[in-house]
C-alpha cells in the first residue's frame, strides 16, 4: 500500500476552470478541500488558439513566460495577483479574453518568500516547498561547470530551466529521470518544452551529473549557464501518494500499459522521448470521467482538443492505463516519460483506500 504524508493534495496543487470576462480584474477562486495560494500558475486558453501563460511569485504576477515558445520573460497584464485561495487575471487575452474558457494549473512553493542558497558553487535564490517536493530557483550563470542549490530535501527528478535574458539559445531545457527510459545516465540528456522533438544527448548541459539532495549540476551550455545570463528553474521530486515522475514503454494497443503512481492522478503530462511527439496534458477537471479524452499540448498554442474514439487513458485509484495506440502516448516499443499529481492518495494517512472514478 502507498501511504503518504499528504492526505489532501489540494493543499499543494489545484486546477481551476473559468471563463474570461475581458476585464482587468477577474478573481479565480479554487474549490479544493484546502485553500491554496499558488506560487506557480500555468494558464491555457481552452476554446481558441493562444499561447500558454506561466507566472511565478518569485518574479511577481506581472511577468509571464510561455511553454510553447522561447520568448523571454516579459511584463504583461495576464496576472495581477496570487491570492490566498487562487489568483487574479488581468486584461491579457492569454488569460482573460471575454467569452473564452481557460484552465489554470497551480503549485504551491513558499508563498513568494525566497532565501539565498549557497549549497552550490553558484548562489541561487530559492523558494521551496519541501513537503510537496517543489521549488522555484533563480540564478545567474557563470559559463563554467557549476551547481545550484535547489532547497529541497531530496534530489529533483524533473527540472526545467528557462533563460530570462537573451543568451543565444533561449529555449526551455528539461531533464527528467525517465528521459532515457529509466537508465541511470539520464543527466546526459535534455529535451525542449517548447517543441515536440525527441531527447537530445549532450553531457555539457547538466555536466553529465545527476542532481543530489542539495544541488543541480550545470555544464557550460548557454541555454542553462551562460556567463552573466539570468535563469529560472522549476524543480520537482516524487512524493509518495502525491506526485510521480517516471517512464513507461508503449505497447501499441488499445489495451495499453498500466502505469502505477500510488495515487489517483488529477493531472498527467506525457512526452515521448525516443521520437517526436507533443507534450500531452490531461486533468480530472477538464475530463472528469474515464476514458479521458480532453487534451492540451504544452508545446503549441492550439485550443483544447477531444480525441474521442476511446480516449487516451483511464485515471485509476493507483495510476493510469493507456487506451490508444497513438504514437505520442502509446506507440509500440515507444519510450515515454510522465509527470503526475494526485487527486487522492491510493491510501491516505488514515489507512482508507481511495476509489477510481
Protein backbone atom coordinates (compact mmCIF):
# COMPACT_ATOMS: atom_id res chain seq x y z
CA UNK A 1 0.00 0.00 0.00
CA UNK A 2 1.15 3.52 -0.77
CA UNK A 3 0.97 5.67 2.34
CA UNK A 4 1.58 9.39 2.18
CA UNK A 5 2.32 12.43 4.29
CA UNK A 6 -0.01 14.47 2.06
CA UNK A 7 -3.57 13.36 2.75
CA UNK A 8 -5.03 16.40 0.97
CA UNK A 9 -3.22 17.08 -2.33
CA UNK A 10 -5.34 20.21 -2.87
CA UNK A 11 -3.22 21.95 -0.23
CA UNK A 12 -0.27 21.68 -2.66
CA UNK A 13 -1.73 21.55 -6.18
CA UNK A 14 -5.07 22.57 -7.67
CA UNK A 15 -6.75 23.01 -11.03
CA UNK A 16 -9.22 25.79 -11.79
CA UNK A 17 -11.58 26.13 -14.75
CA UNK A 18 -13.00 29.55 -15.56
CA UNK A 19 -14.38 31.84 -18.24
CA UNK A 20 -12.79 35.13 -19.26
CA UNK A 21 -14.65 38.40 -18.75
CA UNK A 22 -12.33 40.68 -20.73
CA UNK A 23 -11.87 42.99 -17.76
CA UNK A 24 -8.81 43.94 -15.79
CA UNK A 25 -9.50 42.04 -12.56
CA UNK A 26 -11.06 38.59 -12.76
CA UNK A 27 -10.51 36.70 -9.49
CA UNK A 28 -10.31 32.93 -9.91
CA UNK A 29 -11.21 31.05 -6.72
CA UNK A 30 -10.11 27.47 -6.11
CA UNK A 31 -12.63 24.87 -4.97
CA UNK A 32 -10.37 22.24 -3.42
CA UNK A 33 -10.68 20.91 0.12
CA UNK A 34 -7.95 23.36 1.18
CA UNK A 35 -7.27 26.97 0.31
CA UNK A 36 -4.25 27.23 -1.94
CA UNK A 37 -2.20 30.36 -2.53
CA UNK A 38 -0.26 29.39 -5.65
CA UNK A 39 3.36 30.28 -6.40
CA UNK A 40 3.48 28.83 -9.91
CA UNK A 41 0.40 29.29 -12.12
CA UNK A 42 0.12 27.90 -15.65
CA UNK A 43 -2.94 29.03 -17.64
CA UNK A 44 -4.04 27.87 -21.09
CA UNK A 45 -6.99 29.14 -23.08
CA UNK A 46 -9.09 26.09 -23.95
CA UNK A 47 -11.52 27.44 -26.51
CA UNK A 48 -9.22 29.04 -29.11
CA UNK A 49 -5.59 29.47 -30.12
CA UNK A 50 -3.46 31.27 -27.55
CA UNK A 51 -0.01 30.92 -26.03
CA UNK A 52 0.31 29.39 -22.60
CA UNK A 53 0.86 31.87 -19.75
CA UNK A 54 3.17 30.86 -16.89
CA UNK A 55 3.77 33.09 -13.87
CA UNK A 56 5.54 32.58 -10.57
CA UNK A 57 5.62 34.50 -7.31
CA UNK A 58 9.41 34.89 -7.30
CA UNK A 59 9.26 37.05 -10.43
CA UNK A 60 5.87 38.51 -9.47
CA UNK A 61 2.42 38.28 -11.04
CA UNK A 62 3.27 40.94 -13.63
CA UNK A 63 5.70 38.74 -15.56
CA UNK A 64 4.99 35.72 -17.76
CA UNK A 65 6.64 33.04 -19.84
CA UNK A 66 5.08 30.70 -22.41
CA UNK A 67 5.82 26.97 -22.57
CA UNK A 68 5.09 26.87 -26.31
CA UNK A 69 7.80 29.33 -27.37
CA UNK A 70 11.26 30.58 -26.46
CA UNK A 71 10.23 34.17 -25.78
CA UNK A 72 11.98 35.84 -22.88
CA UNK A 73 10.13 36.70 -19.69
CA UNK A 74 8.06 39.82 -20.27
CA UNK A 75 5.83 42.15 -18.32
CA UNK A 76 2.16 41.59 -19.08
CA UNK A 77 -1.35 42.11 -17.77
CA UNK A 78 -2.01 38.37 -17.78
CA UNK A 79 -1.97 38.09 -13.96
CA UNK A 80 -2.39 40.76 -11.31
CA UNK A 81 -2.05 38.79 -8.06
CA UNK A 82 -1.60 35.44 -6.34
CA UNK A 83 -4.37 35.17 -3.74
CA UNK A 84 -4.93 33.11 -0.59
CA UNK A 85 -7.49 30.97 -2.45
CA UNK A 86 -6.47 31.34 -6.10
CA UNK A 87 -5.26 34.06 -8.45
CA UNK A 88 -6.48 37.14 -10.31
CA UNK A 89 -6.09 37.58 -14.06
CA UNK A 90 -5.86 40.89 -15.88
CA UNK A 91 -6.87 42.01 -19.34
CA UNK A 92 -4.42 39.92 -21.42
CA UNK A 93 -6.22 37.63 -23.84
CA UNK A 94 -3.97 34.70 -22.91
CA UNK A 95 -5.70 34.57 -19.53
CA UNK A 96 -8.91 36.64 -19.69
CA UNK A 97 -10.45 37.12 -23.13
CA UNK A 98 -14.19 37.65 -22.92
CA UNK A 99 -16.32 34.53 -23.51
CA UNK A 100 -13.28 32.25 -23.75
CA UNK A 101 -12.68 29.30 -21.40
CA UNK A 102 -9.46 28.57 -19.50
CA UNK A 103 -7.70 26.06 -17.29
CA UNK A 104 -5.24 27.08 -14.57
CA UNK A 105 -2.81 24.56 -13.02
CA UNK A 106 -1.33 25.75 -9.73
CA UNK A 107 1.53 24.64 -7.48
CA UNK A 108 2.46 25.87 -4.02
CA UNK A 109 6.07 26.76 -3.19
CA UNK A 110 6.77 29.09 -0.25
CA UNK A 111 4.27 31.92 -0.52
CA UNK A 112 6.65 34.07 -2.52
CA UNK A 113 9.24 34.15 0.27
CA UNK A 114 12.71 33.44 -1.10
CA UNK A 115 16.07 32.69 0.53
CA UNK A 116 19.64 32.89 -0.71
CA UNK A 117 21.05 29.39 -1.16
CA UNK A 118 24.80 28.76 -1.16
CA UNK A 119 24.74 24.94 -1.34
CA UNK A 120 26.07 25.12 -4.91
CA UNK A 121 29.06 26.81 -6.46
CA UNK A 122 26.59 29.34 -7.93
CA UNK A 123 24.49 31.21 -5.38
CA UNK A 124 20.80 30.75 -6.11
CA UNK A 125 17.59 32.35 -4.90
CA UNK A 126 15.11 29.71 -3.84
CA UNK A 127 11.58 29.31 -2.58
CA UNK A 128 10.98 25.68 -1.76
CA UNK A 129 8.08 23.54 -0.59
CA UNK A 130 9.86 20.56 0.96
CA UNK A 131 6.55 18.87 1.84
CA UNK A 132 5.43 18.71 -1.78
CA UNK A 133 8.88 18.43 -3.39
CA UNK A 134 8.72 21.60 -5.49
CA UNK A 135 10.97 24.65 -5.72
CA UNK A 136 11.41 27.77 -7.82
CA UNK A 137 15.07 28.66 -8.33
CA UNK A 138 16.67 31.69 -9.96
CA UNK A 139 20.37 32.20 -10.60
CA UNK A 140 22.97 33.99 -12.71
CA UNK A 141 25.10 31.82 -14.98
CA UNK A 142 28.88 31.68 -14.96
CA UNK A 143 29.62 29.91 -18.25
CA UNK A 144 31.60 27.23 -16.42
CA UNK A 145 30.65 23.91 -14.88
CA UNK A 146 28.89 24.52 -11.58
CA UNK A 147 25.99 23.66 -9.29
CA UNK A 148 22.93 25.45 -7.94
CA UNK A 149 21.18 24.72 -4.64
CA UNK A 150 17.52 23.73 -5.04
CA UNK A 151 16.32 23.89 -1.41
CA UNK A 152 14.57 20.50 -1.38
CA UNK A 153 15.32 17.54 0.86
CA UNK A 154 15.55 15.00 -1.99
CA UNK A 155 17.16 15.06 -5.41
CA UNK A 156 14.95 16.56 -8.14
CA UNK A 157 13.64 14.04 -10.66
CA UNK A 158 12.21 16.59 -13.09
CA UNK A 159 13.58 20.06 -13.63
CA UNK A 160 13.04 22.76 -16.24
CA UNK A 161 15.37 25.69 -16.96
CA UNK A 162 14.47 28.81 -18.95
CA UNK A 163 16.72 31.78 -19.75
CA UNK A 164 15.21 35.08 -18.62
CA UNK A 165 17.69 37.19 -20.59
CA UNK A 166 18.99 36.67 -24.10
CA UNK A 167 21.72 34.01 -24.04
CA UNK A 168 21.62 32.99 -27.77
CA UNK A 169 19.70 29.79 -27.04
CA UNK A 170 16.54 30.80 -25.22
CA UNK A 171 14.50 27.61 -25.39
CA UNK A 172 13.15 25.64 -22.43
CA UNK A 173 15.58 22.91 -21.28
CA UNK A 174 14.14 19.91 -19.48
CA UNK A 175 15.64 16.89 -17.76
CA UNK A 176 13.71 14.05 -16.16
CA UNK A 177 14.69 10.77 -14.52
CA UNK A 178 12.67 8.93 -17.19
CA UNK A 179 14.14 10.74 -20.20
CA UNK A 180 16.40 7.78 -21.04
CA UNK A 181 13.90 5.03 -20.25
CA UNK A 182 14.84 4.98 -16.58
CA UNK A 183 18.58 4.45 -17.16
CA UNK A 184 20.95 5.91 -14.59
CA UNK A 185 22.71 8.22 -17.08
CA UNK A 186 19.66 10.44 -17.63
CA UNK A 187 21.70 13.60 -16.94
CA UNK A 188 23.37 13.09 -20.34
CA UNK A 189 20.12 14.25 -21.96
CA UNK A 190 17.76 17.17 -22.32
CA UNK A 191 14.53 17.83 -24.15
CA UNK A 192 12.68 21.04 -25.03
CA UNK A 193 9.30 22.02 -23.55
CA UNK A 194 8.59 24.33 -26.48
CA UNK A 195 8.92 21.74 -29.27
CA UNK A 196 7.76 18.19 -29.97
CA UNK A 197 11.32 16.98 -30.57
CA UNK A 198 12.92 13.85 -29.14
CA UNK A 199 15.52 13.86 -26.36
CA UNK A 200 18.99 15.13 -27.22
CA UNK A 201 22.27 13.78 -25.91
CA UNK A 202 24.59 16.48 -24.62
CA UNK A 203 26.55 15.82 -21.45
CA UNK A 204 27.56 19.51 -21.28
CA UNK A 205 24.01 20.59 -20.44
CA UNK A 206 23.94 19.09 -16.91
CA UNK A 207 27.66 18.30 -16.68
CA UNK A 208 26.78 14.59 -17.00
CA UNK A 209 25.84 14.61 -13.30
CA UNK A 210 22.50 13.70 -11.76
CA UNK A 211 21.14 16.00 -9.03
CA UNK A 212 21.84 15.37 -5.37
CA UNK A 213 19.74 16.08 -2.29
CA UNK A 214 21.14 19.62 -2.30
CA UNK A 215 22.22 20.69 -5.82
CA UNK A 216 21.51 20.51 -9.55
CA UNK A 217 24.58 20.39 -11.78
CA UNK A 218 25.07 22.68 -14.77
CA UNK A 219 27.51 22.44 -17.63
CA UNK A 220 28.76 25.27 -19.81
CA UNK A 221 25.94 25.46 -22.37
CA UNK A 222 24.45 28.94 -22.85
CA UNK A 223 20.86 27.70 -22.54
CA UNK A 224 21.32 26.83 -18.87
CA UNK A 225 24.53 28.57 -17.76
CA UNK A 226 25.56 31.46 -20.00
CA UNK A 227 28.01 33.78 -18.26
CA UNK A 228 26.00 36.66 -16.80
CA UNK A 229 22.66 35.29 -18.02
CA UNK A 230 19.62 35.16 -15.74
CA UNK A 231 17.71 31.88 -15.42
CA UNK A 232 14.71 30.35 -13.70
CA UNK A 233 14.48 26.67 -12.81
CA UNK A 234 11.38 24.77 -11.67
CA UNK A 235 12.27 21.53 -9.89
CA UNK A 236 10.21 18.62 -8.56
CA UNK A 237 10.78 15.23 -6.96
CA UNK A 238 8.29 12.45 -6.32
CA UNK A 239 6.37 12.42 -3.03
CA UNK A 240 4.68 9.13 -2.28
CA UNK A 241 0.95 9.39 -2.69
CA UNK A 242 1.11 12.90 -4.20
CA UNK A 243 3.46 13.14 -7.21
CA UNK A 244 5.33 10.80 -9.51
CA UNK A 245 7.88 11.22 -12.31
CA UNK A 246 8.67 8.09 -14.27
CA UNK A 247 8.74 6.33 -17.62
CA UNK A 248 6.99 3.54 -19.48
CA UNK A 249 7.18 1.62 -22.75
CA UNK A 250 4.20 1.69 -25.10
CA UNK A 251 2.57 -1.50 -26.37
CA UNK A 252 0.71 -0.08 -29.38
CA UNK A 253 -2.64 -1.40 -28.17
CA UNK A 254 -5.98 0.00 -27.04
CA UNK A 255 -5.43 -2.28 -24.04
CA UNK A 256 -2.41 -0.24 -23.13
CA UNK A 257 0.18 -0.33 -20.40
CA UNK A 258 -0.83 0.35 -16.79
CA UNK A 259 1.39 2.94 -15.08
CA UNK A 260 1.47 2.73 -11.28
CA UNK A 261 1.69 6.06 -9.46
CA UNK A 262 0.40 5.21 -5.97
CA UNK A 263 -2.47 7.71 -6.26
CA UNK A 264 -5.44 8.72 -8.37
CA UNK A 265 -3.97 11.26 -10.81
CA UNK A 266 -5.57 14.68 -11.09
CA UNK A 267 -3.02 15.78 -13.70
CA UNK A 268 -0.90 13.81 -16.15
CA UNK A 269 1.59 15.10 -18.73
CA UNK A 270 3.22 12.60 -21.11
CA UNK A 271 6.08 13.14 -23.57
CA UNK A 272 7.60 10.66 -25.99
CA UNK A 273 11.38 10.73 -25.64
CA UNK A 274 12.76 8.46 -28.39
CA UNK A 275 10.94 10.25 -31.21
CA UNK A 276 8.89 13.34 -31.92
CA UNK A 277 5.64 13.76 -30.03
CA UNK A 278 3.69 16.55 -28.36
CA UNK A 279 3.58 17.16 -24.59
CA UNK A 280 0.05 15.90 -23.91
CA UNK A 281 -1.70 17.15 -20.75
CA UNK A 282 -4.93 15.84 -19.26
CA UNK A 283 -6.61 16.50 -15.95
CA UNK A 284 -9.69 15.49 -13.99
CA UNK A 285 -11.26 18.95 -14.15
CA UNK A 286 -11.48 19.04 -17.93
CA UNK A 287 -12.07 15.32 -18.38
CA UNK A 288 -13.67 14.04 -15.16
CA UNK A 289 -14.78 10.62 -16.39
CA UNK A 290 -12.99 7.67 -17.94
CA UNK A 291 -12.00 7.28 -20.66
CA UNK A 292 -10.22 10.69 -20.51
CA UNK A 293 -10.06 12.38 -23.89
CA UNK A 294 -9.67 16.17 -23.47
CA UNK A 295 -6.06 17.11 -24.08
CA UNK A 296 -3.89 20.22 -24.29
CA UNK A 297 -0.36 20.28 -25.64
CA UNK A 298 2.28 22.24 -23.74
CA UNK A 299 4.39 22.92 -26.84
CA UNK A 300 1.77 24.63 -29.02
CA UNK A 301 -0.93 27.28 -28.82
CA UNK A 302 -3.75 25.09 -30.17
CA UNK A 303 -7.02 25.00 -28.21
CA UNK A 304 -8.08 22.01 -26.17
CA UNK A 305 -8.97 19.05 -28.36
CA UNK A 306 -11.06 15.95 -27.81
CA UNK A 307 -9.53 12.75 -29.06
CA UNK A 308 -12.73 10.70 -28.89
CA UNK A 309 -12.89 7.15 -30.25
CA UNK A 310 -11.92 5.54 -26.97
CA UNK A 311 -9.98 8.42 -25.36
CA UNK A 312 -6.34 8.48 -24.34
CA UNK A 313 -6.20 6.86 -20.90
CA UNK A 314 -8.10 5.96 -17.74
CA UNK A 315 -7.31 7.64 -14.42
CA UNK A 316 -7.46 4.92 -11.78
CA UNK A 317 -7.18 4.82 -7.99
CA UNK A 318 -3.47 3.98 -8.12
CA UNK A 319 -2.28 5.07 -11.57
CA UNK A 320 -3.36 5.39 -15.18
CA UNK A 321 -3.91 2.99 -18.08
CA UNK A 322 -3.26 3.83 -21.73
CA UNK A 323 -6.24 3.30 -24.06
CA UNK A 324 -4.94 4.11 -27.56
CA UNK A 325 -2.03 3.21 -29.82
CA UNK A 326 -1.16 6.84 -30.55
CA UNK A 327 2.45 7.49 -31.49
CA UNK A 328 2.56 10.32 -28.92
CA UNK A 329 1.34 8.29 -25.92
CA UNK A 330 1.47 4.53 -26.58
CA UNK A 331 3.43 3.59 -29.72
CA UNK A 332 4.65 0.01 -29.84
CA UNK A 333 8.02 -0.06 -28.06
CA UNK A 334 7.98 3.74 -27.84
CA UNK A 335 9.65 5.32 -24.81
CA UNK A 336 7.72 7.84 -22.76
CA UNK A 337 8.20 9.93 -19.64
CA UNK A 338 5.38 11.26 -17.49
CA UNK A 339 4.63 13.73 -14.71
CA UNK A 340 1.59 13.14 -12.48
CA UNK A 341 0.00 14.88 -9.49
CA UNK A 342 -2.65 13.42 -7.22
CA UNK A 343 -6.35 13.93 -6.78
CA UNK A 344 -6.25 11.49 -3.86
CA UNK A 345 -3.53 9.19 -2.49
CA UNK A 346 -4.22 5.48 -3.03
CA UNK A 347 -4.15 5.03 0.74
CA UNK A 348 -4.38 8.10 2.97
CA UNK A 349 -2.71 8.52 6.34
CA UNK A 350 -5.86 7.10 7.96
CA UNK A 351 -5.34 3.84 6.05
CA UNK A 352 -8.50 4.24 3.95
CA UNK A 353 -8.07 3.47 0.23
CA UNK A 354 -9.45 5.84 -2.40
CA UNK A 355 -11.56 4.70 -5.33
CA UNK A 356 -11.40 5.15 -9.08
CA UNK A 357 -13.87 7.30 -10.98
